[in-house]
């Protein structure tokens, strides 16, 4: 199940015996653990909430896990055992964990909490007896729905376009969206309405969103917007090399999009970008024309290569790129 479905599952189905909470979104992982912990109703957490680091369960250390899982709670109905960054091998699953998963201790809730990033081990989410909670990065639509719920609980309401804009300004970072909503709750008070204008004035744009705005301004040949955004980025430590690399990558993406066939979703999956970004890039490429898109990409790529070889300085290469985009 998705993280956003966990609260409903706990309410309607009750606690499972064995959870795998996995995904790169730290905020979702932490709140999933908190929701399960609250559902356990622990009155004596010092006795009945056990945290184990995955390193301690490697090799011979794994043999201590069954004893932890089979220990009865003290003065509570449930005992919570949390294992962090625990990636058992297939052999360890079969020899130590599989039997417990098939017949768990009814008073124990076992929770494995993993980031999952680049880690090896058996695929726990496909094992019998394991309830999987997906805490991976979500798309804009899902995060917008989640953010709407966060705002409602803070006695705030959202305009539809303001929701999407805030998700983008925060670069789909759930923790930051939650903090920004709390800030707006203090600013607007109970019953306040979050509009697009409020988001634009009160929420700082993530650097990645500013880079997106920079490349879109380049595509539209909006020199004043481009100059303002670039100046803001430079003031925050963004250098000429990074700016040229972003512009080159943008026009490479445009040149790929104009030559590819398929839906926005299909092209987005192939290029590793969101369908919405494909749609916006299609529009930008259509205005420039296929030949101009390819010309700009090749020109910026050559400038990047010339900069690396010392023909241009960083500032010289970026200046030449800007001239090519807006005057060429």
Protein backbone atom coordinates (compact mmCIF):
# COMPACT_ATOMS: atom_id res chain seq x y z
CA UNK A 1 0.00 0.00 0.00
CA UNK A 2 1.02 3.64 -0.43
CA UNK A 3 1.96 5.69 2.65
CA UNK A 4 -1.19 7.74 2.09
CA UNK A 5 -3.31 4.59 2.56
CA UNK A 6 -1.73 3.51 5.84
CA UNK A 7 -3.95 5.56 8.17
CA UNK A 8 -7.08 4.12 6.57
CA UNK A 9 -5.67 0.58 6.81
CA UNK A 10 -4.85 0.97 10.50
CA UNK A 11 -8.33 2.31 11.20
CA UNK A 12 -10.27 -0.26 9.20
CA UNK A 13 -8.08 -3.38 9.37
CA UNK A 14 -6.10 -2.84 12.55
CA UNK A 15 -2.43 -3.57 13.08
CA UNK A 16 -0.57 -6.15 10.99
CA UNK A 17 2.13 -8.27 12.57
CA UNK A 18 4.97 -7.56 10.11
CA UNK A 19 5.48 -4.30 8.19
CA UNK A 20 8.06 -3.30 5.61
CA UNK A 21 8.23 0.51 5.38
CA UNK A 22 10.47 1.28 2.44
CA UNK A 23 11.23 4.19 0.13
CA UNK A 24 13.48 7.21 -0.31
CA UNK A 25 11.02 9.73 1.19
CA UNK A 26 12.27 10.11 4.78
CA UNK A 27 9.25 12.12 5.89
CA UNK A 28 6.83 9.38 4.81
CA UNK A 29 8.92 6.66 6.47
CA UNK A 30 9.09 8.53 9.78
CA UNK A 31 5.37 9.25 9.80
CA UNK A 32 4.48 5.68 8.87
CA UNK A 33 6.46 4.46 11.87
CA UNK A 34 4.77 7.07 14.07
CA UNK A 35 1.31 6.01 12.88
CA UNK A 36 2.03 2.35 13.66
CA UNK A 37 3.57 3.27 17.00
CA UNK A 38 0.50 5.32 17.93
CA UNK A 39 -1.77 2.45 16.87
CA UNK A 40 0.12 0.17 19.27
CA UNK A 41 -1.01 2.44 22.12
CA UNK A 42 2.18 1.95 24.13
CA UNK A 43 2.01 3.21 27.70
CA UNK A 44 5.51 1.96 28.54
CA UNK A 45 7.66 2.66 25.44
CA UNK A 46 10.89 2.31 27.40
CA UNK A 47 10.00 -1.38 27.88
CA UNK A 48 8.02 -2.16 24.74
CA UNK A 49 9.50 -0.11 21.90
CA UNK A 50 12.73 -1.70 20.69
CA UNK A 51 14.91 -0.22 17.94
CA UNK A 52 17.56 -2.36 16.25
CA UNK A 53 20.01 -1.14 13.61
CA UNK A 54 20.49 -3.39 10.59
CA UNK A 55 24.22 -3.62 11.22
CA UNK A 56 23.50 -5.41 14.49
CA UNK A 57 21.53 -8.09 12.60
CA UNK A 58 24.29 -9.07 10.21
CA UNK A 59 25.85 -12.53 10.41
CA UNK A 60 25.57 -14.11 13.85
CA UNK A 61 23.68 -11.06 15.15
CA UNK A 62 20.61 -12.22 13.24
CA UNK A 63 20.20 -15.14 15.63
CA UNK A 64 19.13 -12.69 18.37
CA UNK A 65 16.14 -11.44 16.35
CA UNK A 66 13.66 -14.28 17.14
CA UNK A 67 14.13 -13.73 20.87
CA UNK A 68 13.31 -10.05 20.45
CA UNK A 69 10.21 -10.84 18.42
CA UNK A 70 8.92 -13.52 20.76
CA UNK A 71 9.39 -11.52 23.97
CA UNK A 72 6.05 -10.65 25.56
CA UNK A 73 5.20 -6.99 26.30
CA UNK A 74 5.43 -5.59 29.83
CA UNK A 75 2.28 -3.77 31.04
CA UNK A 76 1.13 -3.13 27.45
CA UNK A 77 -0.92 -5.10 24.96
CA UNK A 78 1.66 -4.71 22.20
CA UNK A 79 5.42 -4.76 21.80
CA UNK A 80 6.96 -2.83 18.89
CA UNK A 81 10.24 -4.03 17.36
CA UNK A 82 11.76 -1.73 14.73
CA UNK A 83 14.68 -2.78 12.53
CA UNK A 84 16.30 -0.01 10.48
CA UNK A 85 18.18 -0.59 7.21
CA UNK A 86 17.75 -4.35 7.49
CA UNK A 87 18.32 -6.24 4.23
CA UNK A 88 18.36 -10.00 4.89
CA UNK A 89 19.58 -12.33 2.17
CA UNK A 90 17.34 -15.01 0.71
CA UNK A 91 19.11 -17.58 2.83
CA UNK A 92 18.61 -15.53 6.02
CA UNK A 93 14.93 -15.10 5.18
CA UNK A 94 14.45 -18.83 4.74
CA UNK A 95 16.41 -19.87 7.82
CA UNK A 96 15.43 -17.22 10.39
CA UNK A 97 12.55 -14.96 9.33
CA UNK A 98 10.19 -16.98 7.14
CA UNK A 99 8.94 -19.17 9.96
CA UNK A 100 8.23 -16.18 12.17
CA UNK A 101 6.41 -14.34 9.34
CA UNK A 102 4.17 -17.38 8.87
CA UNK A 103 3.34 -17.61 12.58
CA UNK A 104 4.12 -14.29 14.28
CA UNK A 105 3.80 -13.50 17.96
CA UNK A 106 0.29 -11.97 18.28
CA UNK A 107 1.46 -9.31 20.74
CA UNK A 108 4.47 -8.17 18.64
CA UNK A 109 4.46 -5.67 15.76
CA UNK A 110 7.65 -6.07 13.75
CA UNK A 111 8.53 -3.11 11.51
CA UNK A 112 11.43 -3.08 9.04
CA UNK A 113 12.28 0.49 7.98
CA UNK A 114 14.46 0.75 4.87
CA UNK A 115 15.48 3.55 2.52
CA UNK A 116 16.04 0.87 -0.10
CA UNK A 117 18.50 3.02 -2.04
CA UNK A 118 21.07 0.79 -3.72
CA UNK A 119 20.77 -1.90 -1.06
CA UNK A 120 20.92 -5.62 -1.77
CA UNK A 121 18.92 -8.36 -0.14
CA UNK A 122 15.86 -10.48 -0.75
CA UNK A 123 12.70 -8.76 -1.94
CA UNK A 124 10.90 -8.50 1.39
CA UNK A 125 7.83 -6.78 -0.03
CA UNK A 126 6.98 -9.92 -2.01
CA UNK A 127 7.31 -12.29 0.93
CA UNK A 128 4.34 -13.90 2.61
CA UNK A 129 3.19 -12.32 5.84
CA UNK A 130 4.79 -8.94 5.11
CA UNK A 131 2.63 -5.81 4.80
CA UNK A 132 4.43 -3.40 2.48
CA UNK A 133 4.13 0.38 2.92
CA UNK A 134 5.52 2.24 -0.09
CA UNK A 135 7.28 5.45 0.99
CA UNK A 136 8.86 6.26 -2.36
CA UNK A 137 8.68 9.61 -4.14
CA UNK A 138 5.17 10.43 -5.31
CA UNK A 139 4.01 12.25 -8.42
CA UNK A 140 2.65 15.80 -8.34
CA UNK A 141 -0.99 14.72 -8.44
CA UNK A 142 -0.67 12.39 -5.44
CA UNK A 143 1.34 14.94 -3.46
CA UNK A 144 -1.22 17.64 -4.24
CA UNK A 145 -3.98 15.44 -2.79
CA UNK A 146 -1.86 14.68 0.26
CA UNK A 147 -1.02 18.37 0.74
CA UNK A 148 -4.71 19.24 0.54
CA UNK A 149 -5.33 16.86 3.47
CA UNK A 150 -2.45 18.42 5.44
CA UNK A 151 -3.95 21.88 4.87
CA UNK A 152 -7.42 20.75 5.90
CA UNK A 153 -6.10 19.38 9.18
CA UNK A 154 -4.46 22.78 9.75
CA UNK A 155 -7.87 24.46 9.15
CA UNK A 156 -6.72 25.92 5.83
CA UNK A 157 -8.11 25.69 2.32
CA UNK A 158 -6.24 25.73 -1.01
CA UNK A 159 -6.93 27.06 -4.46
CA UNK A 160 -6.32 24.24 -6.97
CA UNK A 161 -3.50 25.93 -8.90
CA UNK A 162 -1.87 27.01 -5.63
CA UNK A 163 -1.62 23.36 -4.56
CA UNK A 164 0.28 22.35 -7.69
CA UNK A 165 2.51 25.41 -7.54
CA UNK A 166 3.49 24.75 -3.92
CA UNK A 167 4.38 21.13 -4.74
CA UNK A 168 6.65 22.37 -7.52
CA UNK A 169 8.20 25.17 -5.47
CA UNK A 170 9.07 22.58 -2.80
CA UNK A 171 10.42 20.14 -5.44
CA UNK A 172 8.02 17.40 -4.26
CA UNK A 173 9.70 17.37 -0.83
CA UNK A 174 6.97 16.25 1.59
CA UNK A 175 8.79 17.39 4.73
CA UNK A 176 9.24 20.88 3.34
CA UNK A 177 5.62 21.06 2.18
CA UNK A 178 4.47 20.17 5.69
CA UNK A 179 6.68 22.88 7.26
CA UNK A 180 5.56 25.48 4.72
CA UNK A 181 1.90 24.64 5.43
CA UNK A 182 2.50 25.12 9.16
CA UNK A 183 4.12 28.48 8.39
CA UNK A 184 1.12 29.55 6.30
CA UNK A 185 -1.25 28.43 9.07
CA UNK A 186 0.47 30.86 11.46
CA UNK A 187 0.42 33.59 8.83
CA UNK A 188 -3.20 33.21 7.69
CA UNK A 189 -4.87 31.94 10.83
CA UNK A 190 -7.70 29.43 11.15
CA UNK A 191 -9.92 29.30 8.08
CA UNK A 192 -7.30 30.99 5.88
CA UNK A 193 -7.22 30.34 2.14
CA UNK A 194 -3.95 29.66 0.32
CA UNK A 195 -3.99 31.29 -3.11
CA UNK A 196 -1.47 31.26 -5.92
CA UNK A 197 -0.44 34.81 -4.96
CA UNK A 198 0.28 33.73 -1.38
CA UNK A 199 2.40 30.79 -2.54
CA UNK A 200 4.36 33.05 -4.90
CA UNK A 201 5.00 35.62 -2.18
CA UNK A 202 5.57 33.39 0.86
CA UNK A 203 7.11 30.11 -0.37
CA UNK A 204 10.75 30.17 -1.44
CA UNK A 205 11.37 28.38 -4.71
CA UNK A 206 13.56 25.31 -4.59
CA UNK A 207 16.76 25.69 -6.65
CA UNK A 208 15.63 22.94 -9.01
CA UNK A 209 12.41 24.78 -9.73
CA UNK A 210 14.36 27.97 -10.40
CA UNK A 211 16.55 26.07 -12.87
CA UNK A 212 13.37 24.83 -14.54
CA UNK A 213 12.16 28.43 -14.79
CA UNK A 214 15.55 29.48 -16.19
CA UNK A 215 15.48 26.90 -18.97
CA UNK A 216 11.83 27.69 -19.78
CA UNK A 217 12.69 31.39 -20.05
CA UNK A 218 15.50 30.44 -22.45
CA UNK A 219 13.07 28.42 -24.57
CA UNK A 220 10.63 31.34 -24.71
CA UNK A 221 13.47 33.82 -25.44
CA UNK A 222 12.30 35.89 -22.49
CA UNK A 223 15.57 37.71 -21.82
CA UNK A 224 14.38 39.80 -18.88
CA UNK A 225 13.01 36.80 -16.96
CA UNK A 226 16.12 34.77 -17.82
CA UNK A 227 18.42 37.52 -16.54
CA UNK A 228 16.48 37.94 -13.29
CA UNK A 229 16.39 34.20 -12.53
CA UNK A 230 20.06 33.71 -13.44
CA UNK A 231 21.06 36.61 -11.19
CA UNK A 232 19.10 35.13 -8.29
CA UNK A 233 20.70 31.72 -8.80
CA UNK A 234 24.21 33.22 -8.98
CA UNK A 235 23.58 35.12 -5.75
CA UNK A 236 22.84 31.78 -4.08
CA UNK A 237 26.10 30.15 -5.21
CA UNK A 238 25.07 28.73 -8.59
CA UNK A 239 28.06 29.14 -10.95
CA UNK A 240 28.44 29.64 -14.72
CA UNK A 241 29.49 26.04 -15.30
CA UNK A 242 26.32 24.72 -13.66
CA UNK A 243 24.14 27.21 -15.58
CA UNK A 244 25.64 26.18 -18.93
CA UNK A 245 25.27 22.49 -18.03
CA UNK A 246 21.58 23.04 -17.18
CA UNK A 247 20.93 24.87 -20.45
CA UNK A 248 22.75 22.22 -22.47
CA UNK A 249 20.81 19.43 -20.77
CA UNK A 250 17.54 21.29 -21.39
CA UNK A 251 18.09 21.69 -25.12
CA UNK A 252 19.29 18.10 -25.34
CA UNK A 253 15.97 17.04 -23.80
CA UNK A 254 14.09 19.23 -26.29
CA UNK A 255 15.98 17.71 -29.19
CA UNK A 256 15.18 14.20 -27.92
CA UNK A 257 11.50 15.00 -27.43
CA UNK A 258 11.03 16.38 -30.96
CA UNK A 259 12.45 13.17 -32.44
CA UNK A 260 10.61 10.70 -30.22
CA UNK A 261 7.15 9.25 -30.80
CA UNK A 262 4.66 8.31 -28.11
CA UNK A 263 2.51 9.86 -25.41
CA UNK A 264 3.81 12.29 -22.80
CA UNK A 265 3.81 9.46 -20.25
CA UNK A 266 5.74 7.10 -22.54
CA UNK A 267 8.35 9.70 -23.45
CA UNK A 268 8.60 10.79 -19.82
CA UNK A 269 9.26 7.19 -18.73
CA UNK A 270 11.98 6.82 -21.39
CA UNK A 271 13.71 10.09 -20.45
CA UNK A 272 13.14 9.85 -16.69
CA UNK A 273 11.05 13.04 -16.45
CA UNK A 274 7.44 13.76 -15.52
CA UNK A 275 4.72 13.75 -18.21
CA UNK A 276 3.91 17.37 -17.34
CA UNK A 277 7.52 18.34 -18.12
CA UNK A 278 7.28 16.52 -21.46
CA UNK A 279 4.13 18.48 -22.29
CA UNK A 280 5.74 21.84 -21.46
CA UNK A 281 8.90 20.94 -23.37
CA UNK A 282 6.85 19.88 -26.39
CA UNK A 283 5.21 23.32 -26.38
CA UNK A 284 8.58 25.08 -26.10
CA UNK A 285 10.12 22.98 -28.88
CA UNK A 286 7.15 23.59 -31.17
CA UNK A 287 7.62 27.36 -30.87
CA UNK A 288 11.34 27.15 -31.59
CA UNK A 289 11.11 24.61 -34.38
CA UNK A 290 12.87 21.27 -34.70
CA UNK A 291 15.86 22.65 -36.62
CA UNK A 292 16.45 25.49 -34.14
CA UNK A 293 16.23 23.14 -31.16
CA UNK A 294 18.88 20.87 -32.65
CA UNK A 295 21.05 23.84 -33.62
CA UNK A 296 20.98 25.24 -30.08
CA UNK A 297 21.75 21.90 -28.47
CA UNK A 298 24.78 21.31 -30.71
CA UNK A 299 26.01 24.88 -30.19
CA UNK A 300 25.71 24.67 -26.39
CA UNK A 301 27.30 21.23 -26.33
CA UNK A 302 30.29 22.60 -28.28
CA UNK A 303 30.60 25.56 -25.91
CA UNK A 304 30.61 23.17 -22.94
CA UNK A 305 33.37 21.13 -24.58
CA UNK A 306 35.36 24.28 -25.43
CA UNK A 307 35.08 25.45 -21.83
CA UNK A 308 36.38 22.14 -20.52
CA UNK A 309 39.31 22.28 -22.94
CA UNK A 310 40.21 25.85 -21.93
CA UNK A 311 39.17 27.64 -25.12
CA UNK A 312 36.56 29.56 -23.13
CA UNK A 313 36.45 30.64 -19.51
CA UNK A 314 33.33 29.71 -17.54
CA UNK A 315 31.88 33.19 -17.82
CA UNK A 316 32.88 33.46 -21.48
CA UNK A 317 31.21 30.18 -22.39
CA UNK A 318 28.00 31.12 -20.59
CA UNK A 319 27.94 34.57 -22.22
CA UNK A 320 28.42 32.98 -25.64
CA UNK A 321 25.60 30.52 -24.90
CA UNK A 322 23.23 33.31 -23.86
CA UNK A 323 24.07 35.24 -27.03
CA UNK A 324 23.40 32.15 -29.12
CA UNK A 325 20.03 31.56 -27.46
CA UNK A 326 18.73 35.13 -27.56
CA UNK A 327 20.60 36.67 -30.52
CA UNK A 328 21.66 33.75 -32.70
